[in-house]
PDB file of all heavy atoms in Angstrom:
ATOM      1  N   SER A   1      -9.821   0.558  -2.010  1.00  0.00           N
ATOM      2  CA  SER A   1      -9.793  -0.604  -2.898  1.00  0.00           C
ATOM      3  C   SER A   1     -11.087  -0.719  -3.673  1.00  0.00           C
ATOM      4  O   SER A   1     -12.150  -0.317  -3.200  1.00  0.00           O
ATOM      5  CB  SER A   1      -9.550  -1.881  -2.097  1.00  0.00           C
ATOM      6  OG  SER A   1     -10.646  -2.132  -1.234  1.00  0.00           O
ATOM      7  N   ASP A   2     -10.973  -1.255  -4.861  1.00  0.00           N
ATOM      8  CA  ASP A   2     -12.124  -1.603  -5.689  1.00  0.00           C
ATOM      9  C   ASP A   2     -12.003  -3.097  -5.943  1.00  0.00           C
ATOM     10  O   ASP A   2     -11.268  -3.526  -6.842  1.00  0.00           O
ATOM     11  CB  ASP A   2     -12.100  -0.802  -6.992  1.00  0.00           C
ATOM     12  CG  ASP A   2     -13.334  -1.039  -7.839  1.00  0.00           C
ATOM     13  OD1 ASP A   2     -13.956  -2.115  -7.707  1.00  0.00           O
ATOM     14  OD2 ASP A   2     -13.663  -0.171  -8.661  1.00  0.00           O
ATOM     15  N   ASN A   3     -12.679  -3.886  -5.124  1.00  0.00           N
ATOM     16  CA  ASN A   3     -12.535  -5.332  -5.235  1.00  0.00           C
ATOM     17  C   ASN A   3     -13.014  -5.865  -6.581  1.00  0.00           C
ATOM     18  O   ASN A   3     -12.476  -6.855  -7.081  1.00  0.00           O
ATOM     19  CB  ASN A   3     -13.279  -6.018  -4.089  1.00  0.00           C
ATOM     20  CG  ASN A   3     -12.574  -5.842  -2.766  1.00  0.00           C
ATOM     21  OD1 ASN A   3     -11.673  -5.029  -2.624  1.00  0.00           O
ATOM     22  ND2 ASN A   3     -13.008  -6.599  -1.760  1.00  0.00           N
ATOM     23  N   ALA A   4     -14.001  -5.236  -7.141  1.00  0.00           N
ATOM     24  CA  ALA A   4     -14.515  -5.689  -8.438  1.00  0.00           C
ATOM     25  C   ALA A   4     -13.436  -5.566  -9.515  1.00  0.00           C
ATOM     26  O   ALA A   4     -13.387  -6.367 -10.448  1.00  0.00           O
ATOM     27  CB  ALA A   4     -15.748  -4.889  -8.818  1.00  0.00           C
ATOM     28  N   LYS A   5     -12.594  -4.563  -9.382  1.00  0.00           N
ATOM     29  CA  LYS A   5     -11.520  -4.361 -10.352  1.00  0.00           C
ATOM     30  C   LYS A   5     -10.198  -4.936  -9.870  1.00  0.00           C
ATOM     31  O   LYS A   5      -9.191  -4.836 -10.583  1.00  0.00           O
ATOM     32  CB  LYS A   5     -11.347  -2.859 -10.630  1.00  0.00           C
ATOM     33  CG  LYS A   5     -12.543  -2.206 -11.300  1.00  0.00           C
ATOM     34  CD  LYS A   5     -12.264  -0.738 -11.583  1.00  0.00           C
ATOM     35  CE  LYS A   5     -13.443  -0.081 -12.295  1.00  0.00           C
ATOM     36  NZ  LYS A   5     -13.197   1.359 -12.569  1.00  0.00           N
ATOM     37  N   ASN A   6     -10.187  -5.506  -8.675  1.00  0.00           N
ATOM     38  CA  ASN A   6      -8.941  -6.015  -8.090  1.00  0.00           C
ATOM     39  C   ASN A   6      -7.851  -4.949  -8.131  1.00  0.00           C
ATOM     40  O   ASN A   6      -6.704  -5.223  -8.495  1.00  0.00           O
ATOM     41  CB  ASN A   6      -8.481  -7.282  -8.812  1.00  0.00           C
ATOM     42  CG  ASN A   6      -8.424  -8.479  -7.889  1.00  0.00           C
ATOM     43  OD1 ASN A   6      -9.108  -8.541  -6.871  1.00  0.00           O
ATOM     44  ND2 ASN A   6      -7.595  -9.449  -8.247  1.00  0.00           N
ATOM     45  N   THR A   7      -8.229  -3.762  -7.730  1.00  0.00           N
ATOM     46  CA  THR A   7      -7.329  -2.614  -7.807  1.00  0.00           C
ATOM     47  C   THR A   7      -7.354  -1.851  -6.489  1.00  0.00           C
ATOM     48  O   THR A   7      -8.408  -1.693  -5.869  1.00  0.00           O
ATOM     49  CB  THR A   7      -7.749  -1.672  -8.953  1.00  0.00           C
ATOM     50  OG1 THR A   7      -7.699  -2.396 -10.186  1.00  0.00           O
ATOM     51  CG2 THR A   7      -6.813  -0.473  -9.048  1.00  0.00           C
ATOM     52  N   VAL A   8      -6.182  -1.411  -6.089  1.00  0.00           N
ATOM     53  CA  VAL A   8      -6.042  -0.602  -4.878  1.00  0.00           C
ATOM     54  C   VAL A   8      -5.436   0.731  -5.273  1.00  0.00           C
ATOM     55  O   VAL A   8      -4.563   0.793  -6.145  1.00  0.00           O
ATOM     56  CB  VAL A   8      -5.164  -1.330  -3.838  1.00  0.00           C
ATOM     57  CG1 VAL A   8      -4.829  -0.417  -2.677  1.00  0.00           C
ATOM     58  CG2 VAL A   8      -5.875  -2.574  -3.335  1.00  0.00           C
ATOM     59  N   TYR A   9      -5.889   1.784  -4.614  1.00  0.00           N
ATOM     60  CA  TYR A   9      -5.435   3.128  -4.925  1.00  0.00           C
ATOM     61  C   TYR A   9      -4.765   3.753  -3.707  1.00  0.00           C
ATOM     62  O   TYR A   9      -5.098   3.443  -2.566  1.00  0.00           O
ATOM     63  CB  TYR A   9      -6.622   4.005  -5.352  1.00  0.00           C
ATOM     64  CG  TYR A   9      -7.420   3.421  -6.480  1.00  0.00           C
ATOM     65  CD1 TYR A   9      -8.583   2.688  -6.229  1.00  0.00           C
ATOM     66  CD2 TYR A   9      -7.021   3.592  -7.805  1.00  0.00           C
ATOM     67  CE1 TYR A   9      -9.329   2.145  -7.266  1.00  0.00           C
ATOM     68  CE2 TYR A   9      -7.756   3.051  -8.845  1.00  0.00           C
ATOM     69  CZ  TYR A   9      -8.910   2.324  -8.567  1.00  0.00           C
ATOM     70  OH  TYR A   9      -9.629   1.784  -9.598  1.00  0.00           O
ATOM     71  N   LEU A  10      -3.849   4.656  -3.979  1.00  0.00           N
ATOM     72  CA  LEU A  10      -3.255   5.466  -2.924  1.00  0.00           C
ATOM     73  C   LEU A  10      -3.373   6.925  -3.358  1.00  0.00           C
ATOM     74  O   LEU A  10      -2.675   7.357  -4.280  1.00  0.00           O
ATOM     75  CB  LEU A  10      -1.788   5.100  -2.682  1.00  0.00           C
ATOM     76  CG  LEU A  10      -1.135   5.828  -1.507  1.00  0.00           C
ATOM     77  CD1 LEU A  10      -1.754   5.364  -0.174  1.00  0.00           C
ATOM     78  CD2 LEU A  10       0.377   5.584  -1.491  1.00  0.00           C
ATOM     79  N   GLN A  11      -4.275   7.636  -2.709  1.00  0.00           N
ATOM     80  CA  GLN A  11      -4.430   9.066  -2.977  1.00  0.00           C
ATOM     81  C   GLN A  11      -3.462   9.817  -2.086  1.00  0.00           C
ATOM     82  O   GLN A  11      -3.523   9.690  -0.859  1.00  0.00           O
ATOM     83  CB  GLN A  11      -5.866   9.509  -2.697  1.00  0.00           C
ATOM     84  CG  GLN A  11      -6.114  10.987  -2.891  1.00  0.00           C
ATOM     85  CD  GLN A  11      -5.980  11.428  -4.335  1.00  0.00           C
ATOM     86  OE1 GLN A  11      -6.469  10.760  -5.244  1.00  0.00           O
ATOM     87  NE2 GLN A  11      -5.315  12.560  -4.564  1.00  0.00           N
ATOM     88  N   MET A  12      -2.582  10.581  -2.700  1.00  0.00           N
ATOM     89  CA  MET A  12      -1.562  11.304  -1.954  1.00  0.00           C
ATOM     90  C   MET A  12      -1.763  12.802  -2.140  1.00  0.00           C
ATOM     91  O   MET A  12      -1.691  13.300  -3.269  1.00  0.00           O
ATOM     92  CB  MET A  12      -0.172  10.884  -2.441  1.00  0.00           C
ATOM     93  CG  MET A  12       0.075   9.393  -2.364  1.00  0.00           C
ATOM     94  SD  MET A  12       1.788   8.939  -2.732  1.00  0.00           S
ATOM     95  CE  MET A  12       1.909   9.435  -4.434  1.00  0.00           C
ATOM     96  N   ASN A  13      -2.054  13.472  -1.062  1.00  0.00           N
ATOM     97  CA  ASN A  13      -2.253  14.922  -1.077  1.00  0.00           C
ATOM     98  C   ASN A  13      -1.175  15.607  -0.245  1.00  0.00           C
ATOM     99  O   ASN A  13      -0.476  14.960   0.533  1.00  0.00           O
ATOM    100  CB  ASN A  13      -3.630  15.275  -0.514  1.00  0.00           C
ATOM    101  CG  ASN A  13      -4.774  14.667  -1.304  1.00  0.00           C
ATOM    102  OD1 ASN A  13      -4.686  14.515  -2.526  1.00  0.00           O
ATOM    103  ND2 ASN A  13      -5.847  14.304  -0.618  1.00  0.00           N
ATOM    104  N   SER A  14      -1.075  16.916  -0.431  1.00  0.00           N
ATOM    105  CA  SER A  14      -0.094  17.713   0.335  1.00  0.00           C
ATOM    106  C   SER A  14       1.290  17.073   0.301  1.00  0.00           C
ATOM    107  O   SER A  14       1.951  16.928   1.340  1.00  0.00           O
ATOM    108  CB  SER A  14      -0.570  17.872   1.790  1.00  0.00           C
ATOM    109  OG  SER A  14      -1.843  18.478   1.824  1.00  0.00           O
ATOM    110  N   LEU A  15       1.711  16.707  -0.872  1.00  0.00           N
ATOM    111  CA  LEU A  15       2.993  16.009  -1.016  1.00  0.00           C
ATOM    112  C   LEU A  15       4.163  16.895  -0.622  1.00  0.00           C
ATOM    113  O   LEU A  15       4.143  18.115  -0.846  1.00  0.00           O
ATOM    114  CB  LEU A  15       3.145  15.500  -2.450  1.00  0.00           C
ATOM    115  CG  LEU A  15       2.327  14.239  -2.757  1.00  0.00           C
ATOM    116  CD1 LEU A  15       2.156  14.052  -4.249  1.00  0.00           C
ATOM    117  CD2 LEU A  15       2.990  13.026  -2.129  1.00  0.00           C
ATOM    118  N   LYS A  16       5.163  16.256  -0.039  1.00  0.00           N
ATOM    119  CA  LYS A  16       6.371  16.937   0.428  1.00  0.00           C
ATOM    120  C   LYS A  16       7.590  16.368  -0.297  1.00  0.00           C
ATOM    121  O   LYS A  16       7.553  15.223  -0.759  1.00  0.00           O
ATOM    122  CB  LYS A  16       6.535  16.716   1.938  1.00  0.00           C
ATOM    123  CG  LYS A  16       5.335  17.112   2.774  1.00  0.00           C
ATOM    124  CD  LYS A  16       5.562  16.711   4.227  1.00  0.00           C
ATOM    125  CE  LYS A  16       4.358  17.042   5.087  1.00  0.00           C
ATOM    126  NZ  LYS A  16       4.570  16.638   6.509  1.00  0.00           N
ATOM    127  N   PRO A  17       8.658  17.104  -0.362  1.00  0.00           N
ATOM    128  CA  PRO A  17       9.871  16.569  -0.993  1.00  0.00           C
ATOM    129  C   PRO A  17      10.323  15.247  -0.380  1.00  0.00           C
ATOM    130  O   PRO A  17      10.843  14.377  -1.085  1.00  0.00           O
ATOM    131  CB  PRO A  17      10.902  17.679  -0.760  1.00  0.00           C
ATOM    132  CG  PRO A  17      10.085  18.926  -0.703  1.00  0.00           C
ATOM    133  CD  PRO A  17       8.809  18.532  -0.010  1.00  0.00           C
ATOM    134  N   GLU A  18      10.100  15.078   0.916  1.00  0.00           N
ATOM    135  CA  GLU A  18      10.509  13.826   1.562  1.00  0.00           C
ATOM    136  C   GLU A  18       9.641  12.634   1.177  1.00  0.00           C
ATOM    137  O   GLU A  18       9.931  11.503   1.555  1.00  0.00           O
ATOM    138  CB  GLU A  18      10.535  13.974   3.093  1.00  0.00           C
ATOM    139  CG  GLU A  18       9.273  14.563   3.700  1.00  0.00           C
ATOM    140  CD  GLU A  18       9.385  16.052   3.935  1.00  0.00           C
ATOM    141  OE1 GLU A  18       9.914  16.779   3.042  1.00  0.00           O
ATOM    142  OE2 GLU A  18       8.939  16.510   5.009  1.00  0.00           O
ATOM    143  N   ASP A  19       8.577  12.869   0.438  1.00  0.00           N
ATOM    144  CA  ASP A  19       7.771  11.761  -0.090  1.00  0.00           C
ATOM    145  C   ASP A  19       8.378  11.187  -1.377  1.00  0.00           C
ATOM    146  O   ASP A  19       7.899  10.177  -1.891  1.00  0.00           O
ATOM    147  CB  ASP A  19       6.345  12.229  -0.393  1.00  0.00           C
ATOM    148  CG  ASP A  19       5.582  12.614   0.871  1.00  0.00           C
ATOM    149  OD1 ASP A  19       5.700  11.885   1.873  1.00  0.00           O
ATOM    150  OD2 ASP A  19       4.889  13.652   0.846  1.00  0.00           O
ATOM    151  N   THR A  20       9.405  11.829  -1.877  1.00  0.00           N
ATOM    152  CA  THR A  20      10.065  11.347  -3.089  1.00  0.00           C
ATOM    153  C   THR A  20      10.642   9.958  -2.862  1.00  0.00           C
ATOM    154  O   THR A  20      11.409   9.736  -1.926  1.00  0.00           O
ATOM    155  CB  THR A  20      11.183  12.317  -3.513  1.00  0.00           C
ATOM    156  OG1 THR A  20      10.596  13.571  -3.862  1.00  0.00           O
ATOM    157  CG2 THR A  20      11.963  11.764  -4.690  1.00  0.00           C
ATOM    158  N   ALA A  21      10.240   9.026  -3.708  1.00  0.00           N
ATOM    159  CA  ALA A  21      10.667   7.628  -3.565  1.00  0.00           C
ATOM    160  C   ALA A  21      10.101   6.816  -4.718  1.00  0.00           C
ATOM    161  O   ALA A  21       9.249   7.300  -5.475  1.00  0.00           O
ATOM    162  CB  ALA A  21      10.176   7.045  -2.246  1.00  0.00           C
ATOM    163  N   VAL A  22      10.565   5.583  -4.814  1.00  0.00           N
ATOM    164  CA  VAL A  22       9.887   4.616  -5.671  1.00  0.00           C
ATOM    165  C   VAL A  22       8.810   3.959  -4.812  1.00  0.00           C
ATOM    166  O   VAL A  22       9.092   3.483  -3.710  1.00  0.00           O
ATOM    167  CB  VAL A  22      10.855   3.550  -6.221  1.00  0.00           C
ATOM    168  CG1 VAL A  22      10.080   2.533  -7.059  1.00  0.00           C
ATOM    169  CG2 VAL A  22      11.947   4.214  -7.048  1.00  0.00           C
ATOM    170  N   TYR A  23       7.602   3.968  -5.319  1.00  0.00           N
ATOM    171  CA  TYR A  23       6.480   3.395  -4.584  1.00  0.00           C
ATOM    172  C   TYR A  23       6.152   2.022  -5.165  1.00  0.00           C
ATOM    173  O   TYR A  23       5.965   1.875  -6.376  1.00  0.00           O
ATOM    174  CB  TYR A  23       5.259   4.316  -4.669  1.00  0.00           C
ATOM    175  CG  TYR A  23       5.378   5.505  -3.747  1.00  0.00           C
ATOM    176  CD1 TYR A  23       6.312   6.515  -4.003  1.00  0.00           C
ATOM    177  CD2 TYR A  23       4.586   5.614  -2.599  1.00  0.00           C
ATOM    178  CE1 TYR A  23       6.443   7.594  -3.141  1.00  0.00           C
ATOM    179  CE2 TYR A  23       4.715   6.691  -1.735  1.00  0.00           C
ATOM    180  CZ  TYR A  23       5.647   7.678  -2.009  1.00  0.00           C
ATOM    181  OH  TYR A  23       5.769   8.740  -1.155  1.00  0.00           O
ATOM    182  N   TYR A  24       6.085   1.056  -4.277  1.00  0.00           N
ATOM    183  CA  TYR A  24       5.821  -0.327  -4.663  1.00  0.00           C
ATOM    184  C   TYR A  24       4.490  -0.794  -4.083  1.00  0.00           C
ATOM    185  O   TYR A  24       4.136  -0.441  -2.956  1.00  0.00           O
ATOM    186  CB  TYR A  24       6.912  -1.255  -4.142  1.00  0.00           C
ATOM    187  CG  TYR A  24       8.289  -0.980  -4.673  1.00  0.00           C
ATOM    188  CD1 TYR A  24       9.159  -0.109  -4.027  1.00  0.00           C
ATOM    189  CD2 TYR A  24       8.746  -1.611  -5.837  1.00  0.00           C
ATOM    190  CE1 TYR A  24      10.428   0.140  -4.506  1.00  0.00           C
ATOM    191  CE2 TYR A  24      10.016  -1.372  -6.329  1.00  0.00           C
ATOM    192  CZ  TYR A  24      10.845  -0.495  -5.661  1.00  0.00           C
ATOM    193  OH  TYR A  24      12.109  -0.251  -6.150  1.00  0.00           O
ATOM    194  N   CYS A  25       3.827  -1.625  -4.862  1.00  0.00           N
ATOM    195  CA  CYS A  25       2.621  -2.286  -4.393  1.00  0.00           C
ATOM    196  C   CYS A  25       2.959  -3.754  -4.153  1.00  0.00           C
ATOM    197  O   CYS A  25       3.807  -4.333  -4.858  1.00  0.00           O
ATOM    198  CB  CYS A  25       1.528  -2.160  -5.458  1.00  0.00           C
ATOM    199  SG  CYS A  25      -0.064  -2.824  -4.966  1.00  0.00           S
ATOM    200  N   ALA A  26       2.306  -4.348  -3.167  1.00  0.00           N
ATOM    201  CA  ALA A  26       2.601  -5.746  -2.848  1.00  0.00           C
ATOM    202  C   ALA A  26       1.348  -6.450  -2.361  1.00  0.00           C
ATOM    203  O   ALA A  26       0.420  -5.810  -1.857  1.00  0.00           O
ATOM    204  CB  ALA A  26       3.691  -5.822  -1.781  1.00  0.00           C
ATOM    205  N   THR A  27       1.348  -7.763  -2.496  1.00  0.00           N
ATOM    206  CA  THR A  27       0.212  -8.568  -2.056  1.00  0.00           C
ATOM    207  C   THR A  27       0.634  -9.513  -0.937  1.00  0.00           C
ATOM    208  O   THR A  27       1.804  -9.897  -0.813  1.00  0.00           O
ATOM    209  CB  THR A  27      -0.371  -9.405  -3.204  1.00  0.00           C
ATOM    210  OG1 THR A  27       0.603 -10.389  -3.596  1.00  0.00           O
ATOM    211  CG2 THR A  27      -0.726  -8.554  -4.394  1.00  0.00           C
ATOM    212  N   ARG A  28      -0.330  -9.881  -0.158  1.00  0.00           N
ATOM    213  CA  ARG A  28      -0.089 -10.856   0.904  1.00  0.00           C
ATOM    214  C   ARG A  28      -1.363 -11.655   1.085  1.00  0.00           C
ATOM    215  O   ARG A  28      -2.449 -11.086   1.178  1.00  0.00           O
ATOM    216  CB  ARG A  28       0.270 -10.138   2.203  1.00  0.00           C
ATOM    217  CG  ARG A  28       0.443 -11.036   3.425  1.00  0.00           C
ATOM    218  CD  ARG A  28       1.045 -10.220   4.553  1.00  0.00           C
ATOM    219  NE  ARG A  28       1.013 -10.890   5.822  1.00  0.00           N
ATOM    220  CZ  ARG A  28       1.478 -10.348   6.946  1.00  0.00           C
ATOM    221  NH1 ARG A  28       1.988  -9.146   6.944  1.00  0.00           N
ATOM    222  NH2 ARG A  28       1.427 -11.017   8.073  1.00  0.00           N
ATOM    223  N   GLU A  29      -1.226 -12.981   1.152  1.00  0.00           N
ATOM    224  CA  GLU A  29      -2.412 -13.817   1.251  1.00  0.00           C
ATOM    225  C   GLU A  29      -2.650 -14.313   2.675  1.00  0.00           C
ATOM    226  O   GLU A  29      -3.741 -14.166   3.211  1.00  0.00           O
ATOM    227  CB  GLU A  29      -2.309 -15.007   0.287  1.00  0.00           C
ATOM    228  CG  GLU A  29      -3.596 -15.795   0.186  1.00  0.00           C
ATOM    229  CD  GLU A  29      -3.593 -16.736  -1.000  1.00  0.00           C
ATOM    230  OE1 GLU A  29      -2.543 -16.881  -1.654  1.00  0.00           O
ATOM    231  OE2 GLU A  29      -4.646 -17.344  -1.276  1.00  0.00           O
ATOM    232  N   LEU A  30      -1.628 -14.891   3.305  1.00  0.00           N
ATOM    233  CA  LEU A  30      -1.801 -15.407   4.660  1.00  0.00           C
ATOM    234  C   LEU A  30      -1.760 -14.269   5.674  1.00  0.00           C
ATOM    235  O   LEU A  30      -0.980 -13.342   5.536  1.00  0.00           O
ATOM    236  CB  LEU A  30      -0.717 -16.428   4.976  1.00  0.00           C
ATOM    237  CG  LEU A  30      -0.787 -17.741   4.200  1.00  0.00           C
ATOM    238  CD1 LEU A  30       0.375 -18.633   4.589  1.00  0.00           C
ATOM    239  CD2 LEU A  30      -2.115 -18.439   4.423  1.00  0.00           C
ATOM    240  N   ASN A  31      -2.578 -14.364   6.698  1.00  0.00           N
ATOM    241  CA  ASN A  31      -2.612 -13.367   7.763  1.00  0.00           C
ATOM    242  C   ASN A  31      -2.708 -11.957   7.179  1.00  0.00           C
ATOM    243  O   ASN A  31      -1.779 -11.160   7.312  1.00  0.00           O
ATOM    244  CB  ASN A  31      -1.369 -13.466   8.650  1.00  0.00           C
ATOM    245  CG  ASN A  31      -1.453 -12.545   9.862  1.00  0.00           C
ATOM    246  OD1 ASN A  31      -2.537 -12.108  10.247  1.00  0.00           O
ATOM    247  ND2 ASN A  31      -0.311 -12.220  10.437  1.00  0.00           N
ATOM    248  N   PRO A  32      -3.812 -11.659   6.516  1.00  0.00           N
ATOM    249  CA  PRO A  32      -3.926 -10.368   5.809  1.00  0.00           C
ATOM    250  C   PRO A  32      -4.200  -9.205   6.748  1.00  0.00           C
ATOM    251  O   PRO A  32      -5.080  -8.391   6.489  1.00  0.00           O
ATOM    252  CB  PRO A  32      -5.095 -10.614   4.854  1.00  0.00           C
ATOM    253  CG  PRO A  32      -5.960 -11.590   5.572  1.00  0.00           C
ATOM    254  CD  PRO A  32      -5.004 -12.498   6.309  1.00  0.00           C
ATOM    255  N   ASP A  33      -3.442  -9.100   7.822  1.00  0.00           N
ATOM    256  CA  ASP A  33      -3.572  -7.969   8.738  1.00  0.00           C
ATOM    257  C   ASP A  33      -2.775  -6.803   8.167  1.00  0.00           C
ATOM    258  O   ASP A  33      -1.554  -6.908   7.997  1.00  0.00           O
ATOM    259  CB  ASP A  33      -3.046  -8.354  10.111  1.00  0.00           C
ATOM    260  CG  ASP A  33      -2.997  -7.162  11.033  1.00  0.00           C
ATOM    261  OD1 ASP A  33      -4.081  -6.662  11.388  1.00  0.00           O
ATOM    262  OD2 ASP A  33      -1.896  -6.707  11.373  1.00  0.00           O
ATOM    263  N   PRO A  34      -3.428  -5.689   7.875  1.00  0.00           N
ATOM    264  CA  PRO A  34      -2.728  -4.599   7.183  1.00  0.00           C
ATOM    265  C   PRO A  34      -1.605  -3.980   8.003  1.00  0.00           C
ATOM    266  O   PRO A  34      -0.565  -3.605   7.454  1.00  0.00           O
ATOM    267  CB  PRO A  34      -3.841  -3.592   6.883  1.00  0.00           C
ATOM    268  CG  PRO A  34      -4.949  -3.934   7.813  1.00  0.00           C
ATOM    269  CD  PRO A  34      -4.858  -5.388   8.062  1.00  0.00           C
ATOM    270  N   ARG A  35      -1.789  -3.879   9.320  1.00  0.00           N
ATOM    271  CA  ARG A  35      -0.736  -3.279  10.140  1.00  0.00           C
ATOM    272  C   ARG A  35       0.507  -4.169  10.123  1.00  0.00           C
ATOM    273  O   ARG A  35       1.630  -3.696   9.943  1.00  0.00           O
ATOM    274  CB  ARG A  35      -1.222  -3.081  11.577  1.00  0.00           C
ATOM    275  CG  ARG A  35      -0.204  -2.407  12.485  1.00  0.00           C
ATOM    276  CD  ARG A  35      -0.776  -2.143  13.864  1.00  0.00           C
ATOM    277  NE  ARG A  35       0.160  -1.403  14.697  1.00  0.00           N
ATOM    278  CZ  ARG A  35       1.108  -1.976  15.406  1.00  0.00           C
ATOM    279  NH1 ARG A  35       1.260  -3.276  15.381  1.00  0.00           N
ATOM    280  NH2 ARG A  35       1.930  -1.237  16.145  1.00  0.00           N
ATOM    281  N   SER A  36       0.277  -5.469  10.273  1.00  0.00           N
ATOM    282  CA  SER A  36       1.398  -6.407  10.235  1.00  0.00           C
ATOM    283  C   SER A  36       2.097  -6.359   8.881  1.00  0.00           C
ATOM    284  O   SER A  36       3.329  -6.363   8.798  1.00  0.00           O
ATOM    285  CB  SER A  36       0.889  -7.821  10.512  1.00  0.00           C
ATOM    286  OG  SER A  36       1.889  -8.786  10.237  1.00  0.00           O
ATOM    287  N   MET A  37       1.315  -6.298   7.832  1.00  0.00           N
ATOM    288  CA  MET A  37       1.894  -6.286   6.491  1.00  0.00           C
ATOM    289  C   MET A  37       2.787  -5.076   6.299  1.00  0.00           C
ATOM    290  O   MET A  37       3.907  -5.192   5.805  1.00  0.00           O
ATOM    291  CB  MET A  37       0.783  -6.274   5.443  1.00  0.00           C
ATOM    292  CG  MET A  37       1.292  -6.331   4.026  1.00  0.00           C
ATOM    293  SD  MET A  37      -0.065  -6.271   2.844  1.00  0.00           S
ATOM    294  CE  MET A  37       0.814  -6.558   1.317  1.00  0.00           C
ATOM    295  N   CYS A  38       2.302  -3.912   6.683  1.00  0.00           N
ATOM    296  CA  CYS A  38       3.070  -2.689   6.474  1.00  0.00           C
ATOM    297  C   CYS A  38       4.317  -2.632   7.355  1.00  0.00           C
ATOM    298  O   CYS A  38       5.367  -2.165   6.921  1.00  0.00           O
ATOM    299  CB  CYS A  38       2.191  -1.466   6.751  1.00  0.00           C
ATOM    300  SG  CYS A  38       1.423  -0.748   5.272  1.00  0.00           S
ATOM    301  N   ILE A  39       4.204  -3.096   8.575  1.00  0.00           N
ATOM    302  CA  ILE A  39       5.327  -2.975   9.508  1.00  0.00           C
ATOM    303  C   ILE A  39       6.400  -4.023   9.245  1.00  0.00           C
ATOM    304  O   ILE A  39       7.597  -3.742   9.250  1.00  0.00           O
ATOM    305  CB  ILE A  39       4.824  -3.038  10.963  1.00  0.00           C
ATOM    306  CG1 ILE A  39       4.010  -1.775  11.282  1.00  0.00           C
ATOM    307  CG2 ILE A  39       5.990  -3.181  11.929  1.00  0.00           C
ATOM    308  CD1 ILE A  39       3.403  -1.768  12.655  1.00  0.00           C
ATOM    309  N   THR A  40       5.977  -5.262   9.014  1.00  0.00           N
ATOM    310  CA  THR A  40       6.948  -6.333   8.831  1.00  0.00           C
ATOM    311  C   THR A  40       7.460  -6.428   7.396  1.00  0.00           C
ATOM    312  O   THR A  40       8.494  -7.049   7.154  1.00  0.00           O
ATOM    313  CB  THR A  40       6.356  -7.691   9.210  1.00  0.00           C
ATOM    314  OG1 THR A  40       5.303  -8.021   8.279  1.00  0.00           O
ATOM    315  CG2 THR A  40       5.807  -7.676  10.617  1.00  0.00           C
ATOM    316  N   ARG A  41       6.729  -5.829   6.464  1.00  0.00           N
ATOM    317  CA  ARG A  41       7.059  -5.948   5.039  1.00  0.00           C
ATOM    318  C   ARG A  41       7.066  -7.411   4.588  1.00  0.00           C
ATOM    319  O   ARG A  41       7.752  -7.772   3.637  1.00  0.00           O
ATOM    320  CB  ARG A  41       8.406  -5.282   4.729  1.00  0.00           C
ATOM    321  CG  ARG A  41       8.374  -3.767   4.872  1.00  0.00           C
ATOM    322  CD  ARG A  41       9.756  -3.193   4.844  1.00  0.00           C
ATOM    323  NE  ARG A  41      10.485  -3.535   6.055  1.00  0.00           N
ATOM    324  CZ  ARG A  41      11.780  -3.325   6.231  1.00  0.00           C
ATOM    325  NH1 ARG A  41      12.489  -2.781   5.274  1.00  0.00           N
ATOM    326  NH2 ARG A  41      12.354  -3.646   7.358  1.00  0.00           N
ATOM    327  N   TRP A  42       6.284  -8.236   5.256  1.00  0.00           N
ATOM    328  CA  TRP A  42       6.137  -9.641   4.859  1.00  0.00           C
ATOM    329  C   TRP A  42       5.091  -9.676   3.763  1.00  0.00           C
ATOM    330  O   TRP A  42       3.906  -9.501   4.015  1.00  0.00           O
ATOM    331  CB  TRP A  42       5.721 -10.481   6.075  1.00  0.00           C
ATOM    332  CG  TRP A  42       5.290 -11.864   5.729  1.00  0.00           C
ATOM    333  CD1 TRP A  42       5.695 -12.623   4.670  1.00  0.00           C
ATOM    334  CD2 TRP A  42       4.353 -12.666   6.439  1.00  0.00           C
ATOM    335  NE1 TRP A  42       5.061 -13.842   4.695  1.00  0.00           N
ATOM    336  CE2 TRP A  42       4.238 -13.901   5.753  1.00  0.00           C
ATOM    337  CE3 TRP A  42       3.589 -12.462   7.588  1.00  0.00           C
ATOM    338  CZ2 TRP A  42       3.395 -14.909   6.197  1.00  0.00           C
ATOM    339  CZ3 TRP A  42       2.748 -13.478   8.018  1.00  0.00           C
ATOM    340  CH2 TRP A  42       2.659 -14.675   7.326  1.00  0.00           C
TER     341      TRP A  42
END
């Protein structure tokens, strides 16, 4: 993340065919625990 730019990056290397998808970015304000956010999709 670059907080000054309010921007987050995802560097993806060694890509595989199974990585093919639509990639979405999302925000969460309350309980900003990253593991919870990714697992619950809240």
